Each structure stands twice: as C-alpha cells, then as structure tokens.
C-alpha cells in the first residue's frame, strides 16, 4: 500500500529464501529481480 514497485537483489537469499518469495507474493507489488553478476 506504500510502493508501486520493488526492485530487489536478494543476494545469497535468491537461491534459498522461500520466505522472501512468499512475502513478495503476499503483497502483490510488481517486482524486478536484479543481480550485478551474470548468475
């Protein structure tokens, strides 16, 4: 209810965090995933 979009670089949590995924799904805010390196 505060932000229109999220840009997230979850770092190491990218590969391990169901909790972050579930939070993103819960708030339903459009999200872009960013990684500095070519993961």
ModelCIF file with pLDDT and N, C-alpha, C, O atoms, coordinates in Angstrom:
data_MODEL
#
_entry.id   MODEL 
#
_entity.id                         1 
_entity.type                       polymer 
_entity.pdbx_number_of_molecules   1 
#
_entity_poly.entity_id                      1 
_entity_poly.type                           'polypeptide(L)' 
_entity_poly.nstd_linkage                   no 
_entity_poly.nstd_monomer                   no 
_entity_poly.pdbx_seq_one_letter_code       
;(UNK)(UNK)(UNK)(UNK)(UNK)(UNK)(UNK)(UNK)(UNK)(UNK)(UNK)(UNK)(UNK)(UNK)(UNK)(UNK)
(UNK)(UNK)(UNK)(UNK)(UNK)(UNK)(UNK)(UNK)(UNK)(UNK)(UNK)(UNK)(UNK)(UNK)(UNK)(UNK)
(UNK)(UNK)(UNK)(UNK)(UNK)(UNK)(UNK)
;
_entity_poly.pdbx_seq_one_letter_code_can   XXXXXXXXXXXXXXXXXXXXXXXXXXXXXXXXXXXXXXX 
_entity_poly.pdbx_strand_id                 A 
#
loop_
_entity_poly_seq.entity_id 
_entity_poly_seq.num 
_entity_poly_seq.mon_id 
_entity_poly_seq.hetero 
1 1  UNK n 
1 2  UNK n 
1 3  UNK n 
1 4  UNK n 
1 5  UNK n 
1 6  UNK n 
1 7  UNK n 
1 8  UNK n 
1 9  UNK n 
1 10 UNK n 
1 11 UNK n 
1 12 UNK n 
1 13 UNK n 
1 14 UNK n 
1 15 UNK n 
1 16 UNK n 
1 17 UNK n 
1 18 UNK n 
1 19 UNK n 
1 20 UNK n 
1 21 UNK n 
1 22 UNK n 
1 23 UNK n 
1 24 UNK n 
1 25 UNK n 
1 26 UNK n 
1 27 UNK n 
1 28 UNK n 
1 29 UNK n 
1 30 UNK n 
1 31 UNK n 
1 32 UNK n 
1 33 UNK n 
1 34 UNK n 
1 35 UNK n 
1 36 UNK n 
1 37 UNK n 
1 38 UNK n 
1 39 UNK n 
#
_struct_asym.id          A 
_struct_asym.entity_id   1 
#
loop_
_ma_qa_metric.id 
_ma_qa_metric.mode 
_ma_qa_metric.name 
_ma_qa_metric.software_group_id 
_ma_qa_metric.type 
1 global pLDDT . pLDDT 
2 local  pLDDT . pLDDT 
#
_ma_qa_metric_global.metric_id      1 
_ma_qa_metric_global.metric_value   96.67 
_ma_qa_metric_global.model_id       1 
_ma_qa_metric_global.ordinal_id     1 
#
loop_
_ma_qa_metric_local.label_asym_id 
_ma_qa_metric_local.label_comp_id 
_ma_qa_metric_local.label_seq_id 
_ma_qa_metric_local.metric_id 
_ma_qa_metric_local.metric_value 
_ma_qa_metric_local.model_id 
_ma_qa_metric_local.ordinal_id 
A UNK 1  2 98.00 1 1  
A UNK 2  2 98.00 1 2  
A UNK 3  2 98.00 1 3  
A UNK 4  2 98.00 1 4  
A UNK 5  2 98.00 1 5  
A UNK 6  2 98.00 1 6  
A UNK 7  2 98.00 1 7  
A UNK 8  2 98.00 1 8  
A UNK 9  2 98.00 1 9  
A UNK 10 2 98.00 1 10 
A UNK 11 2 95.00 1 11 
A UNK 12 2 94.00 1 12 
A UNK 13 2 97.00 1 13 
A UNK 14 2 96.00 1 14 
A UNK 15 2 94.00 1 15 
A UNK 16 2 96.00 1 16 
A UNK 17 2 97.00 1 17 
A UNK 18 2 98.00 1 18 
A UNK 19 2 98.00 1 19 
A UNK 20 2 98.00 1 20 
A UNK 21 2 98.00 1 21 
A UNK 22 2 98.00 1 22 
A UNK 23 2 98.00 1 23 
A UNK 24 2 98.00 1 24 
A UNK 25 2 98.00 1 25 
A UNK 26 2 98.00 1 26 
A UNK 27 2 98.00 1 27 
A UNK 28 2 98.00 1 28 
A UNK 29 2 98.00 1 29 
A UNK 30 2 98.00 1 30 
A UNK 31 2 98.00 1 31 
A UNK 32 2 98.00 1 32 
A UNK 33 2 98.00 1 33 
A UNK 34 2 98.00 1 34 
A UNK 35 2 96.00 1 35 
A UNK 36 2 94.00 1 36 
A UNK 37 2 89.00 1 37 
A UNK 38 2 89.00 1 38 
A UNK 39 2 87.00 1 39 
#
loop_
_atom_site.group_PDB 
_atom_site.id 
_atom_site.type_symbol 
_atom_site.label_atom_id 
_atom_site.label_alt_id 
_atom_site.label_comp_id 
_atom_site.label_asym_id 
_atom_site.label_entity_id 
_atom_site.label_seq_id 
_atom_site.pdbx_PDB_ins_code 
_atom_site.Cartn_x 
_atom_site.Cartn_y 
_atom_site.Cartn_z 
_atom_site.occupancy 
_atom_site.B_iso_or_equiv 
_atom_site.pdbx_formal_charge 
_atom_site.auth_seq_id 
_atom_site.auth_comp_id 
_atom_site.auth_asym_id 
_atom_site.auth_atom_id 
_atom_site.pdbx_PDB_model_num 
ATOM 1   N N  . UNK A 1 1  ? 0.788  -1.223  0.000   1.00 98.00 ? 1  UNK A N  1 
ATOM 2   C CA . UNK A 1 1  ? 0.000  0.000   0.000   1.00 98.00 ? 1  UNK A CA 1 
ATOM 3   C C  . UNK A 1 1  ? 0.819  1.271   0.000   1.00 98.00 ? 1  UNK A C  1 
ATOM 4   O O  . UNK A 1 1  ? 0.261  2.368   0.009   1.00 98.00 ? 1  UNK A O  1 
ATOM 5   N N  . UNK A 1 2  ? 2.145  1.141   -0.010  1.00 98.00 ? 2  UNK A N  1 
ATOM 6   C CA . UNK A 1 2  ? 3.038  2.305   0.049   1.00 98.00 ? 2  UNK A CA 1 
ATOM 7   C C  . UNK A 1 2  ? 3.824  2.468   -1.248  1.00 98.00 ? 2  UNK A C  1 
ATOM 8   O O  . UNK A 1 2  ? 4.010  3.588   -1.726  1.00 98.00 ? 2  UNK A O  1 
ATOM 9   N N  . UNK A 1 3  ? 4.284  1.357   -1.819  1.00 98.00 ? 3  UNK A N  1 
ATOM 10  C CA . UNK A 1 3  ? 5.142  1.407   -3.004  1.00 98.00 ? 3  UNK A CA 1 
ATOM 11  C C  . UNK A 1 3  ? 4.426  0.821   -4.217  1.00 98.00 ? 3  UNK A C  1 
ATOM 12  O O  . UNK A 1 3  ? 3.575  -0.062  -4.098  1.00 98.00 ? 3  UNK A O  1 
ATOM 13  N N  . UNK A 1 4  ? 4.797  1.340   -5.386  1.00 98.00 ? 4  UNK A N  1 
ATOM 14  C CA . UNK A 1 4  ? 4.223  0.870   -6.643  1.00 98.00 ? 4  UNK A CA 1 
ATOM 15  C C  . UNK A 1 4  ? 5.018  -0.259  -7.272  1.00 98.00 ? 4  UNK A C  1 
ATOM 16  O O  . UNK A 1 4  ? 4.500  -1.012  -8.096  1.00 98.00 ? 4  UNK A O  1 
ATOM 17  N N  . UNK A 1 5  ? 6.280  -0.372  -6.879  1.00 98.00 ? 5  UNK A N  1 
ATOM 18  C CA . UNK A 1 5  ? 7.152  -1.398  -7.450  1.00 98.00 ? 5  UNK A CA 1 
ATOM 19  C C  . UNK A 1 5  ? 8.292  -1.682  -6.477  1.00 98.00 ? 5  UNK A C  1 
ATOM 20  O O  . UNK A 1 5  ? 8.655  -0.849  -5.646  1.00 98.00 ? 5  UNK A O  1 
ATOM 21  N N  . UNK A 1 6  ? 8.837  -2.880  -6.608  1.00 98.00 ? 6  UNK A N  1 
ATOM 22  C CA . UNK A 1 6  ? 10.011 -3.281  -5.835  1.00 98.00 ? 6  UNK A CA 1 
ATOM 23  C C  . UNK A 1 6  ? 11.090 -3.725  -6.798  1.00 98.00 ? 6  UNK A C  1 
ATOM 24  O O  . UNK A 1 6  ? 10.836 -4.490  -7.729  1.00 98.00 ? 6  UNK A O  1 
ATOM 25  N N  . UNK A 1 7  ? 12.291 -3.240  -6.568  1.00 98.00 ? 7  UNK A N  1 
ATOM 26  C CA . UNK A 1 7  ? 13.492 -3.724  -7.251  1.00 98.00 ? 7  UNK A CA 1 
ATOM 27  C C  . UNK A 1 7  ? 14.294 -4.417  -6.170  1.00 98.00 ? 7  UNK A C  1 
ATOM 28  O O  . UNK A 1 7  ? 14.644 -3.800  -5.164  1.00 98.00 ? 7  UNK A O  1 
ATOM 29  N N  . UNK A 1 8  ? 14.592 -5.699  -6.366  1.00 98.00 ? 8  UNK A N  1 
ATOM 30  C CA . UNK A 1 8  ? 15.271 -6.456  -5.317  1.00 98.00 ? 8  UNK A CA 1 
ATOM 31  C C  . UNK A 1 8  ? 16.455 -7.246  -5.851  1.00 98.00 ? 8  UNK A C  1 
ATOM 32  O O  . UNK A 1 8  ? 16.363 -7.941  -6.864  1.00 98.00 ? 8  UNK A O  1 
ATOM 33  N N  . UNK A 1 9  ? 17.559 -7.119  -5.144  1.00 98.00 ? 9  UNK A N  1 
ATOM 34  C CA . UNK A 1 9  ? 18.706 -8.003  -5.311  1.00 98.00 ? 9  UNK A CA 1 
ATOM 35  C C  . UNK A 1 9  ? 18.823 -8.745  -3.986  1.00 98.00 ? 9  UNK A C  1 
ATOM 36  O O  . UNK A 1 9  ? 19.389 -8.220  -3.027  1.00 98.00 ? 9  UNK A O  1 
ATOM 37  N N  . UNK A 1 10 ? 18.289 -9.964  -3.928  1.00 98.00 ? 10 UNK A N  1 
ATOM 38  C CA . UNK A 1 10 ? 18.267 -10.674 -2.658  1.00 98.00 ? 10 UNK A CA 1 
ATOM 39  C C  . UNK A 1 10 ? 19.618 -11.247 -2.240  1.00 98.00 ? 10 UNK A C  1 
ATOM 40  O O  . UNK A 1 10 ? 19.720 -11.881 -1.189  1.00 98.00 ? 10 UNK A O  1 
ATOM 41  N N  . UNK A 1 11 ? 20.653 -11.033 -3.046  1.00 95.00 ? 11 UNK A N  1 
ATOM 42  C CA . UNK A 1 11 ? 21.956 -11.596 -2.717  1.00 95.00 ? 11 UNK A CA 1 
ATOM 43  C C  . UNK A 1 11 ? 21.839 -13.108 -2.589  1.00 95.00 ? 11 UNK A C  1 
ATOM 44  O O  . UNK A 1 11 ? 21.140 -13.749 -3.375  1.00 95.00 ? 11 UNK A O  1 
ATOM 45  N N  . UNK A 1 12 ? 22.519 -13.678 -1.603  1.00 94.00 ? 12 UNK A N  1 
ATOM 46  C CA . UNK A 1 12 ? 22.506 -15.119 -1.402  1.00 94.00 ? 12 UNK A CA 1 
ATOM 47  C C  . UNK A 1 12 ? 21.132 -15.688 -1.111  1.00 94.00 ? 12 UNK A C  1 
ATOM 48  O O  . UNK A 1 12 ? 20.907 -16.882 -1.314  1.00 94.00 ? 12 UNK A O  1 
ATOM 49  N N  . UNK A 1 13 ? 20.205 -14.861 -0.639  1.00 97.00 ? 13 UNK A N  1 
ATOM 50  C CA . UNK A 1 13 ? 18.849 -15.343 -0.375  1.00 97.00 ? 13 UNK A CA 1 
ATOM 51  C C  . UNK A 1 13 ? 18.087 -15.659 -1.652  1.00 97.00 ? 13 UNK A C  1 
ATOM 52  O O  . UNK A 1 13 ? 17.036 -16.298 -1.604  1.00 97.00 ? 13 UNK A O  1 
ATOM 53  N N  . UNK A 1 14 ? 18.600 -15.224 -2.784  1.00 96.00 ? 14 UNK A N  1 
ATOM 54  C CA . UNK A 1 14 ? 17.997 -15.533 -4.073  1.00 96.00 ? 14 UNK A CA 1 
ATOM 55  C C  . UNK A 1 14 ? 17.745 -17.025 -4.195  1.00 96.00 ? 14 UNK A C  1 
ATOM 56  O O  . UNK A 1 14 ? 16.692 -17.461 -4.661  1.00 96.00 ? 14 UNK A O  1 
ATOM 57  N N  . UNK A 1 15 ? 18.730 -17.793 -3.769  1.00 94.00 ? 15 UNK A N  1 
ATOM 58  C CA . UNK A 1 15 ? 18.751 -19.230 -4.019  1.00 94.00 ? 15 UNK A CA 1 
ATOM 59  C C  . UNK A 1 15 ? 18.214 -20.056 -2.854  1.00 94.00 ? 15 UNK A C  1 
ATOM 60  O O  . UNK A 1 15 ? 18.152 -21.283 -2.937  1.00 94.00 ? 15 UNK A O  1 
ATOM 61  N N  . UNK A 1 16 ? 17.824 -19.381 -1.762  1.00 96.00 ? 16 UNK A N  1 
ATOM 62  C CA . UNK A 1 16 ? 17.444 -20.130 -0.557  1.00 96.00 ? 16 UNK A CA 1 
ATOM 63  C C  . UNK A 1 16 ? 16.139 -19.689 0.092   1.00 96.00 ? 16 UNK A C  1 
ATOM 64  O O  . UNK A 1 16 ? 15.585 -20.439 0.896   1.00 96.00 ? 16 UNK A O  1 
ATOM 65  N N  . UNK A 1 17 ? 15.630 -18.509 -0.223  1.00 97.00 ? 17 UNK A N  1 
ATOM 66  C CA . UNK A 1 17 ? 14.564 -17.944 0.604   1.00 97.00 ? 17 UNK A CA 1 
ATOM 67  C C  . UNK A 1 17 ? 13.158 -18.068 0.019   1.00 97.00 ? 17 UNK A C  1 
ATOM 68  O O  . UNK A 1 17 ? 12.738 -17.278 -0.827  1.00 97.00 ? 17 UNK A O  1 
ATOM 69  N N  . UNK A 1 18 ? 12.459 -19.070 0.492   1.00 98.00 ? 18 UNK A N  1 
ATOM 70  C CA . UNK A 1 18 ? 11.034 -19.184 0.197   1.00 98.00 ? 18 UNK A CA 1 
ATOM 71  C C  . UNK A 1 18 ? 10.291 -18.067 0.932   1.00 98.00 ? 18 UNK A C  1 
ATOM 72  O O  . UNK A 1 18 ? 9.261  -17.593 0.454   1.00 98.00 ? 18 UNK A O  1 
ATOM 73  N N  . UNK A 1 19 ? 10.806 -17.646 2.086   1.00 98.00 ? 19 UNK A N  1 
ATOM 74  C CA . UNK A 1 19 ? 10.150 -16.591 2.871   1.00 98.00 ? 19 UNK A CA 1 
ATOM 75  C C  . UNK A 1 19 ? 10.096 -15.270 2.111   1.00 98.00 ? 19 UNK A C  1 
ATOM 76  O O  . UNK A 1 19 ? 9.077  -14.581 2.145   1.00 98.00 ? 19 UNK A O  1 
ATOM 77  N N  . UNK A 1 20 ? 11.168 -14.914 1.433   1.00 98.00 ? 20 UNK A N  1 
ATOM 78  C CA . UNK A 1 20 ? 11.163 -13.684 0.629   1.00 98.00 ? 20 UNK A CA 1 
ATOM 79  C C  . UNK A 1 20 ? 10.197 -13.835 -0.540  1.00 98.00 ? 20 UNK A C  1 
ATOM 80  O O  . UNK A 1 20 ? 9.441  -12.910 -0.839  1.00 98.00 ? 20 UNK A O  1 
ATOM 81  N N  . UNK A 1 21 ? 10.211 -14.981 -1.201  1.00 98.00 ? 21 UNK A N  1 
ATOM 82  C CA . UNK A 1 21 ? 9.248  -15.242 -2.278  1.00 98.00 ? 21 UNK A CA 1 
ATOM 83  C C  . UNK A 1 21 ? 7.824  -15.102 -1.763  1.00 98.00 ? 21 UNK A C  1 
ATOM 84  O O  . UNK A 1 21 ? 7.002  -14.432 -2.388  1.00 98.00 ? 21 UNK A O  1 
ATOM 85  N N  . UNK A 1 22 ? 7.525  -15.727 -0.631  1.00 98.00 ? 22 UNK A N  1 
ATOM 86  C CA . UNK A 1 22 ? 6.164  -15.670 -0.091  1.00 98.00 ? 22 UNK A CA 1 
ATOM 87  C C  . UNK A 1 22 ? 5.756  -14.246 0.278   1.00 98.00 ? 22 UNK A C  1 
ATOM 88  O O  . UNK A 1 22 ? 4.601  -13.865 0.085   1.00 98.00 ? 22 UNK A O  1 
ATOM 89  N N  . UNK A 1 23 ? 6.693  -13.457 0.808   1.00 98.00 ? 23 UNK A N  1 
ATOM 90  C CA . UNK A 1 23 ? 6.389  -12.056 1.143   1.00 98.00 ? 23 UNK A CA 1 
ATOM 91  C C  . UNK A 1 23 ? 6.059  -11.264 -0.114  1.00 98.00 ? 23 UNK A C  1 
ATOM 92  O O  . UNK A 1 23 ? 5.108  -10.482 -0.124  1.00 98.00 ? 23 UNK A O  1 
ATOM 93  N N  . UNK A 1 24 ? 6.835  -11.459 -1.171  1.00 98.00 ? 24 UNK A N  1 
ATOM 94  C CA . UNK A 1 24 ? 6.569  -10.756 -2.436  1.00 98.00 ? 24 UNK A CA 1 
ATOM 95  C C  . UNK A 1 24 ? 5.194  -11.142 -2.987  1.00 98.00 ? 24 UNK A C  1 
ATOM 96  O O  . UNK A 1 24 ? 4.432  -10.287 -3.438  1.00 98.00 ? 24 UNK A O  1 
ATOM 97  N N  . UNK A 1 25 ? 4.893  -12.429 -2.945  1.00 98.00 ? 25 UNK A N  1 
ATOM 98  C CA . UNK A 1 25 ? 3.589  -12.885 -3.425  1.00 98.00 ? 25 UNK A CA 1 
ATOM 99  C C  . UNK A 1 25 ? 2.457  -12.324 -2.563  1.00 98.00 ? 25 UNK A C  1 
ATOM 100 O O  . UNK A 1 25 ? 1.395  -11.983 -3.084  1.00 98.00 ? 25 UNK A O  1 
ATOM 101 N N  . UNK A 1 26 ? 2.673  -12.228 -1.271  1.00 98.00 ? 26 UNK A N  1 
ATOM 102 C CA . UNK A 1 26 ? 1.634  -11.736 -0.363  1.00 98.00 ? 26 UNK A CA 1 
ATOM 103 C C  . UNK A 1 26 ? 1.266  -10.287 -0.642  1.00 98.00 ? 26 UNK A C  1 
ATOM 104 O O  . UNK A 1 26 ? 0.088  -9.932  -0.628  1.00 98.00 ? 26 UNK A O  1 
ATOM 105 N N  . UNK A 1 27 ? 2.271  -9.442  -0.898  1.00 98.00 ? 27 UNK A N  1 
ATOM 106 C CA . UNK A 1 27 ? 1.980  -8.018  -1.103  1.00 98.00 ? 27 UNK A CA 1 
ATOM 107 C C  . UNK A 1 27 ? 1.575  -7.703  -2.536  1.00 98.00 ? 27 UNK A C  1 
ATOM 108 O O  . UNK A 1 27 ? 0.993  -6.649  -2.792  1.00 98.00 ? 27 UNK A O  1 
ATOM 109 N N  . UNK A 1 28 ? 1.872  -8.595  -3.474  1.00 98.00 ? 28 UNK A N  1 
ATOM 110 C CA . UNK A 1 28 ? 1.481  -8.453  -4.889  1.00 98.00 ? 28 UNK A CA 1 
ATOM 111 C C  . UNK A 1 28 ? 1.941  -7.137  -5.511  1.00 98.00 ? 28 UNK A C  1 
ATOM 112 O O  . UNK A 1 28 ? 1.223  -6.547  -6.318  1.00 98.00 ? 28 UNK A O  1 
ATOM 113 N N  . UNK A 1 29 ? 3.121  -6.683  -5.143  1.00 98.00 ? 29 UNK A N  1 
ATOM 114 C CA . UNK A 1 29 ? 3.692  -5.469  -5.734  1.00 98.00 ? 29 UNK A CA 1 
ATOM 115 C C  . UNK A 1 29 ? 4.566  -5.898  -6.907  1.00 98.00 ? 29 UNK A C  1 
ATOM 116 O O  . UNK A 1 29 ? 5.398  -6.792  -6.754  1.00 98.00 ? 29 UNK A O  1 
ATOM 117 N N  . UNK A 1 30 ? 4.394  -5.280  -8.075  1.00 98.00 ? 30 UNK A N  1 
ATOM 118 C CA . UNK A 1 30 ? 5.254  -5.633  -9.206  1.00 98.00 ? 30 UNK A CA 1 
ATOM 119 C C  . UNK A 1 30 ? 6.732  -5.565  -8.801  1.00 98.00 ? 30 UNK A C  1 
ATOM 120 O O  . UNK A 1 30 ? 7.176  -4.609  -8.163  1.00 98.00 ? 30 UNK A O  1 
ATOM 121 N N  . UNK A 1 31 ? 7.481  -6.607  -9.189  1.00 98.00 ? 31 UNK A N  1 
ATOM 122 C CA . UNK A 1 31 ? 8.848  -6.759  -8.720  1.00 98.00 ? 31 UNK A CA 1 
ATOM 123 C C  . UNK A 1 31 ? 9.800  -7.056  -9.863  1.00 98.00 ? 31 UNK A C  1 
ATOM 124 O O  . UNK A 1 31 ? 9.490  -7.825  -10.773 1.00 98.00 ? 31 UNK A O  1 
ATOM 125 N N  . UNK A 1 32 ? 10.974 -6.426  -9.794  1.00 98.00 ? 32 UNK A N  1 
ATOM 126 C CA . UNK A 1 32 ? 12.082 -6.727  -10.699 1.00 98.00 ? 32 UNK A CA 1 
ATOM 127 C C  . UNK A 1 32 ? 13.215 -7.302  -9.867  1.00 98.00 ? 32 UNK A C  1 
ATOM 128 O O  . UNK A 1 32 ? 13.565 -6.766  -8.815  1.00 98.00 ? 32 UNK A O  1 
ATOM 129 N N  . UNK A 1 33 ? 13.781 -8.394  -10.347 1.00 98.00 ? 33 UNK A N  1 
ATOM 130 C CA . UNK A 1 33 ? 14.927 -9.030  -9.705  1.00 98.00 ? 33 UNK A CA 1 
ATOM 131 C C  . UNK A 1 33 ? 16.186 -8.562  -10.420 1.00 98.00 ? 33 UNK A C  1 
ATOM 132 O O  . UNK A 1 33 ? 16.265 -8.592  -11.648 1.00 98.00 ? 33 UNK A O  1 
ATOM 133 N N  . UNK A 1 34 ? 17.169 -8.129  -9.636  1.00 98.00 ? 34 UNK A N  1 
ATOM 134 C CA . UNK A 1 34 ? 18.414 -7.614  -10.210 1.00 98.00 ? 34 UNK A CA 1 
ATOM 135 C C  . UNK A 1 34 ? 19.597 -8.353  -9.598  1.00 98.00 ? 34 UNK A C  1 
ATOM 136 O O  . UNK A 1 34 ? 19.621 -8.638  -8.400  1.00 98.00 ? 34 UNK A O  1 
ATOM 137 N N  . UNK A 1 35 ? 20.572 -8.656  -10.441 1.00 96.00 ? 35 UNK A N  1 
ATOM 138 C CA . UNK A 1 35 ? 21.847 -9.222  -9.995  1.00 96.00 ? 35 UNK A CA 1 
ATOM 139 C C  . UNK A 1 35 ? 22.966 -8.526  -10.748 1.00 96.00 ? 35 UNK A C  1 
ATOM 140 O O  . UNK A 1 35 ? 22.911 -8.382  -11.969 1.00 96.00 ? 35 UNK A O  1 
ATOM 141 N N  . UNK A 1 36 ? 23.968 -8.101  -10.018 1.00 94.00 ? 36 UNK A N  1 
ATOM 142 C CA . UNK A 1 36 ? 25.099 -7.402  -10.623 1.00 94.00 ? 36 UNK A CA 1 
ATOM 143 C C  . UNK A 1 36 ? 25.864 -8.339  -11.551 1.00 94.00 ? 36 UNK A C  1 
ATOM 144 O O  . UNK A 1 36 ? 26.231 -7.954  -12.661 1.00 94.00 ? 36 UNK A O  1 
ATOM 145 N N  . UNK A 1 37 ? 26.102 -9.561  -11.100 1.00 89.00 ? 37 UNK A N  1 
ATOM 146 C CA . UNK A 1 37 ? 26.834 -10.532 -11.915 1.00 89.00 ? 37 UNK A CA 1 
ATOM 147 C C  . UNK A 1 37 ? 25.852 -11.365 -12.734 1.00 89.00 ? 37 UNK A C  1 
ATOM 148 O O  . UNK A 1 37 ? 24.643 -11.331 -12.505 1.00 89.00 ? 37 UNK A O  1 
ATOM 149 N N  . UNK A 1 38 ? 26.392 -12.106 -13.683 1.00 89.00 ? 38 UNK A N  1 
ATOM 150 C CA . UNK A 1 38 ? 25.574 -12.990 -14.509 1.00 89.00 ? 38 UNK A CA 1 
ATOM 151 C C  . UNK A 1 38 ? 25.428 -14.319 -13.765 1.00 89.00 ? 38 UNK A C  1 
ATOM 152 O O  . UNK A 1 38 ? 26.185 -15.261 -14.001 1.00 89.00 ? 38 UNK A O  1 
ATOM 153 N N  . UNK A 1 39 ? 24.454 -14.378 -12.875 1.00 87.00 ? 39 UNK A N  1 
ATOM 154 C CA . UNK A 1 39 ? 24.290 -15.544 -12.001 1.00 87.00 ? 39 UNK A CA 1 
ATOM 155 C C  . UNK A 1 39 ? 24.045 -16.835 -12.783 1.00 87.00 ? 39 UNK A C  1 
ATOM 156 O O  . UNK A 1 39 ? 23.888 -17.899 -12.184 1.00 87.00 ? 39 UNK A O  1 
#
